[in-house]
Amino acid sequence: MTKESAKKIGDVMKDGTIYAGISPDTGKEMYAAPVDAPQEHDI
């Protein structure tokens, strides 16, 4: 990866996920969904 293409926290990926950094536990890249998945609640 070049400096210009290095991922930064908050960068949006081609699939719409958001780069969240490197996991301190696994050393692997982490990504977050742009929105929460819809949920149904029966109260």
PDB file of N, CA and C in Angstrom:
ATOM      1  N   MET A   1       0.839  -1.185   0.000  1.00  0.00           N
ATOM      2  CA  MET A   1       0.000   0.000   0.000  1.00  0.00           C
ATOM      3  C   MET A   1       0.882   1.246   0.000  1.00  0.00           C
ATOM      4  N   THR A   2       0.531   2.196  -0.829  1.00  0.00           N
ATOM      5  CA  THR A   2       1.272   3.453  -0.831  1.00  0.00           C
ATOM      6  C   THR A   2       0.666   4.388   0.196  1.00  0.00           C
ATOM      7  N   LYS A   3       1.386   5.466   0.503  1.00  0.00           N
ATOM      8  CA  LYS A   3       0.855   6.425   1.473  1.00  0.00           C
ATOM      9  C   LYS A   3      -0.487   6.979   1.014  1.00  0.00           C
ATOM     10  N   GLU A   4      -0.642   7.219  -0.308  1.00  0.00           N
ATOM     11  CA  GLU A   4      -1.883   7.782  -0.829  1.00  0.00           C
ATOM     12  C   GLU A   4      -3.052   6.812  -0.685  1.00  0.00           C
ATOM     13  N   SER A   5      -2.779   5.497  -0.728  1.00  0.00           N
ATOM     14  CA  SER A   5      -3.864   4.522  -0.661  1.00  0.00           C
ATOM     15  C   SER A   5      -4.045   3.919   0.728  1.00  0.00           C
ATOM     16  N   ALA A   6      -3.244   4.341   1.704  1.00  0.00           N
ATOM     17  CA  ALA A   6      -3.374   3.812   3.059  1.00  0.00           C
ATOM     18  C   ALA A   6      -4.742   4.170   3.632  1.00  0.00           C
ATOM     19  N   LYS A   7      -5.373   3.204   4.276  1.00  0.00           N
ATOM     20  CA  LYS A   7      -6.690   3.435   4.866  1.00  0.00           C
ATOM     21  C   LYS A   7      -6.568   4.280   6.121  1.00  0.00           C
ATOM     22  N   LYS A   8      -7.529   5.164   6.299  1.00  0.00           N
ATOM     23  CA  LYS A   8      -7.608   5.983   7.508  1.00  0.00           C
ATOM     24  C   LYS A   8      -8.928   5.674   8.198  1.00  0.00           C
ATOM     25  N   ILE A   9      -8.951   5.717   9.518  1.00  0.00           N
ATOM     26  CA  ILE A   9     -10.183   5.486  10.262  1.00  0.00           C
ATOM     27  C   ILE A   9     -11.242   6.454   9.758  1.00  0.00           C
ATOM     28  N   GLY A  10     -12.413   5.901   9.441  1.00  0.00           N
ATOM     29  CA  GLY A  10     -13.516   6.697   8.929  1.00  0.00           C
ATOM     30  C   GLY A  10     -13.658   6.631   7.420  1.00  0.00           C
ATOM     31  N   ASP A  11     -12.658   6.068   6.718  1.00  0.00           N
ATOM     32  CA  ASP A  11     -12.756   5.936   5.267  1.00  0.00           C
ATOM     33  C   ASP A  11     -13.888   4.978   4.911  1.00  0.00           C
ATOM     34  N   VAL A  12     -14.670   5.331   3.892  1.00  0.00           N
ATOM     35  CA  VAL A  12     -15.759   4.474   3.417  1.00  0.00           C
ATOM     36  C   VAL A  12     -15.204   3.568   2.323  1.00  0.00           C
ATOM     37  N   MET A  13     -15.425   2.265   2.471  1.00  0.00           N
ATOM     38  CA  MET A  13     -14.942   1.279   1.516  1.00  0.00           C
ATOM     39  C   MET A  13     -15.926   1.147   0.343  1.00  0.00           C
ATOM     40  N   LYS A  14     -15.496   0.472  -0.718  1.00  0.00           N
ATOM     41  CA  LYS A  14     -16.341   0.287  -1.908  1.00  0.00           C
ATOM     42  C   LYS A  14     -17.663  -0.392  -1.578  1.00  0.00           C
ATOM     43  N   ASP A  15     -17.671  -1.284  -0.578  1.00  0.00           N
ATOM     44  CA  ASP A  15     -18.909  -1.998  -0.224  1.00  0.00           C
ATOM     45  C   ASP A  15     -19.782  -1.229   0.755  1.00  0.00           C
ATOM     46  N   GLY A  16     -19.373  -0.006   1.126  1.00  0.00           N
ATOM     47  CA  GLY A  16     -20.172   0.835   2.008  1.00  0.00           C
ATOM     48  C   GLY A  16     -19.804   0.744   3.478  1.00  0.00           C
ATOM     49  N   THR A  17     -18.970  -0.240   3.852  1.00  0.00           N
ATOM     50  CA  THR A  17     -18.554  -0.324   5.249  1.00  0.00           C
ATOM     51  C   THR A  17     -17.556   0.786   5.557  1.00  0.00           C
ATOM     52  N   ILE A  18     -17.335   1.034   6.838  1.00  0.00           N
ATOM     53  CA  ILE A  18     -16.449   2.104   7.271  1.00  0.00           C
ATOM     54  C   ILE A  18     -15.250   1.483   7.989  1.00  0.00           C
ATOM     55  N   TYR A  19     -14.058   1.876   7.563  1.00  0.00           N
ATOM     56  CA  TYR A  19     -12.832   1.354   8.161  1.00  0.00           C
ATOM     57  C   TYR A  19     -12.726   1.861   9.598  1.00  0.00           C
ATOM     58  N   ALA A  20     -12.551   0.924  10.556  1.00  0.00           N
ATOM     59  CA  ALA A  20     -12.533   1.278  11.971  1.00  0.00           C
ATOM     60  C   ALA A  20     -11.154   1.109  12.609  1.00  0.00           C
ATOM     61  N   GLY A  21     -10.144   0.708  11.845  1.00  0.00           N
ATOM     62  CA  GLY A  21      -8.801   0.572  12.392  1.00  0.00           C
ATOM     63  C   GLY A  21      -8.359  -0.875  12.511  1.00  0.00           C
ATOM     64  N   ILE A  22      -7.308  -1.087  13.287  1.00  0.00           N
ATOM     65  CA  ILE A  22      -6.724  -2.415  13.497  1.00  0.00           C
ATOM     66  C   ILE A  22      -7.108  -2.910  14.884  1.00  0.00           C
ATOM     67  N   SER A  23      -7.579  -4.149  14.953  1.00  0.00           N
ATOM     68  CA  SER A  23      -7.941  -4.745  16.234  1.00  0.00           C
ATOM     69  C   SER A  23      -6.704  -4.917  17.104  1.00  0.00           C
ATOM     70  N   PRO A  24      -6.743  -4.434  18.348  1.00  0.00           N
ATOM     71  CA  PRO A  24      -5.593  -4.630  19.237  1.00  0.00           C
ATOM     72  C   PRO A  24      -5.442  -6.093  19.658  1.00  0.00           C
ATOM     73  N   ASP A  25      -6.510  -6.875  19.547  1.00  0.00           N
ATOM     74  CA  ASP A  25      -6.471  -8.281  19.950  1.00  0.00           C
ATOM     75  C   ASP A  25      -5.942  -9.193  18.846  1.00  0.00           C
ATOM     76  N   THR A  26      -6.413  -8.968  17.599  1.00  0.00           N
ATOM     77  CA  THR A  26      -6.065  -9.873  16.503  1.00  0.00           C
ATOM     78  C   THR A  26      -5.072  -9.283  15.514  1.00  0.00           C
ATOM     79  N   GLY A  27      -4.936  -7.948  15.504  1.00  0.00           N
ATOM     80  CA  GLY A  27      -4.063  -7.307  14.534  1.00  0.00           C
ATOM     81  C   GLY A  27      -4.683  -7.221  13.144  1.00  0.00           C
ATOM     82  N   LYS A  28      -5.968  -7.629  13.033  1.00  0.00           N
ATOM     83  CA  LYS A  28      -6.653  -7.597  11.737  1.00  0.00           C
ATOM     84  C   LYS A  28      -7.464  -6.311  11.586  1.00  0.00           C
ATOM     85  N   GLU A  29      -7.724  -5.962  10.321  1.00  0.00           N
ATOM     86  CA  GLU A  29      -8.524  -4.773  10.052  1.00  0.00           C
ATOM     87  C   GLU A  29      -9.961  -4.971  10.535  1.00  0.00           C
ATOM     88  N   MET A  30     -10.560  -3.881  11.039  1.00  0.00           N
ATOM     89  CA  MET A  30     -11.947  -3.924  11.495  1.00  0.00           C
ATOM     90  C   MET A  30     -12.761  -2.950  10.650  1.00  0.00           C
ATOM     91  N   TYR A  31     -14.020  -3.316  10.415  1.00  0.00           N
ATOM     92  CA  TYR A  31     -14.931  -2.481   9.640  1.00  0.00           C
ATOM     93  C   TYR A  31     -16.257  -2.391  10.380  1.00  0.00           C
ATOM     94  N   ALA A  32     -16.968  -1.293  10.158  1.00  0.00           N
ATOM     95  CA  ALA A  32     -18.272  -1.094  10.791  1.00  0.00           C
ATOM     96  C   ALA A  32     -19.317  -0.877   9.706  1.00  0.00           C
ATOM     97  N   ALA A  33     -20.540  -1.290  10.001  1.00  0.00           N
ATOM     98  CA  ALA A  33     -21.655  -1.033   9.093  1.00  0.00           C
ATOM     99  C   ALA A  33     -22.034   0.444   9.171  1.00  0.00           C
ATOM    100  N   PRO A  34     -22.478   1.030   8.057  1.00  0.00           N
ATOM    101  CA  PRO A  34     -22.836   2.441   8.073  1.00  0.00           C
ATOM    102  C   PRO A  34     -24.104   2.739   8.875  1.00  0.00           C
ATOM    103  N   VAL A  35     -24.965   1.742   9.038  1.00  0.00           N
ATOM    104  CA  VAL A  35     -26.194   1.884   9.833  1.00  0.00           C
ATOM    105  C   VAL A  35     -26.453   0.568  10.547  1.00  0.00           C
ATOM    106  N   ASP A  36     -27.230   0.618  11.620  1.00  0.00           N
ATOM    107  CA  ASP A  36     -27.618  -0.602  12.320  1.00  0.00           C
ATOM    108  C   ASP A  36     -28.597  -1.394  11.472  1.00  0.00           C
ATOM    109  N   ALA A  37     -28.550  -2.696  11.607  1.00  0.00           N
ATOM    110  CA  ALA A  37     -29.515  -3.555  10.922  1.00  0.00           C
ATOM    111  C   ALA A  37     -30.895  -3.329  11.537  1.00  0.00           C
ATOM    112  N   PRO A  38     -31.935  -3.360  10.698  1.00  0.00           N
ATOM    113  CA  PRO A  38     -33.279  -3.175  11.255  1.00  0.00           C
ATOM    114  C   PRO A  38     -33.641  -4.326  12.206  1.00  0.00           C
ATOM    115  N   GLN A  39     -34.384  -3.984  13.233  1.00  0.00           N
ATOM    116  CA  GLN A  39     -34.775  -4.979  14.232  1.00  0.00           C
ATOM    117  C   GLN A  39     -36.261  -4.849  14.521  1.00  0.00           C
ATOM    118  N   GLU A  40     -36.876  -5.985  14.844  1.00  0.00           N
ATOM    119  CA  GLU A  40     -38.262  -5.963  15.282  1.00  0.00           C
ATOM    120  C   GLU A  40     -38.290  -6.174  16.787  1.00  0.00           C
ATOM    121  N   HIS A  41     -39.188  -5.447  17.452  1.00  0.00           N
ATOM    122  CA  HIS A  41     -39.315  -5.581  18.896  1.00  0.00           C
ATOM    123  C   HIS A  41     -40.776  -5.895  19.240  1.00  0.00           C
ATOM    124  N   ASP A  42     -40.982  -6.940  19.990  1.00  0.00           N
ATOM    125  CA  ASP A  42     -42.307  -7.288  20.485  1.00  0.00           C
ATOM    126  C   ASP A  42     -42.336  -6.974  21.972  1.00  0.00           C
ATOM    127  N   ILE A  43     -43.014  -5.908  22.320  1.00  0.00           N
ATOM    128  CA  ILE A  43     -43.082  -5.513  23.725  1.00  0.00           C
ATOM    129  C   ILE A  43     -44.488  -5.680  24.233  1.00  0.00           C
TER     130      ILE A  43
END
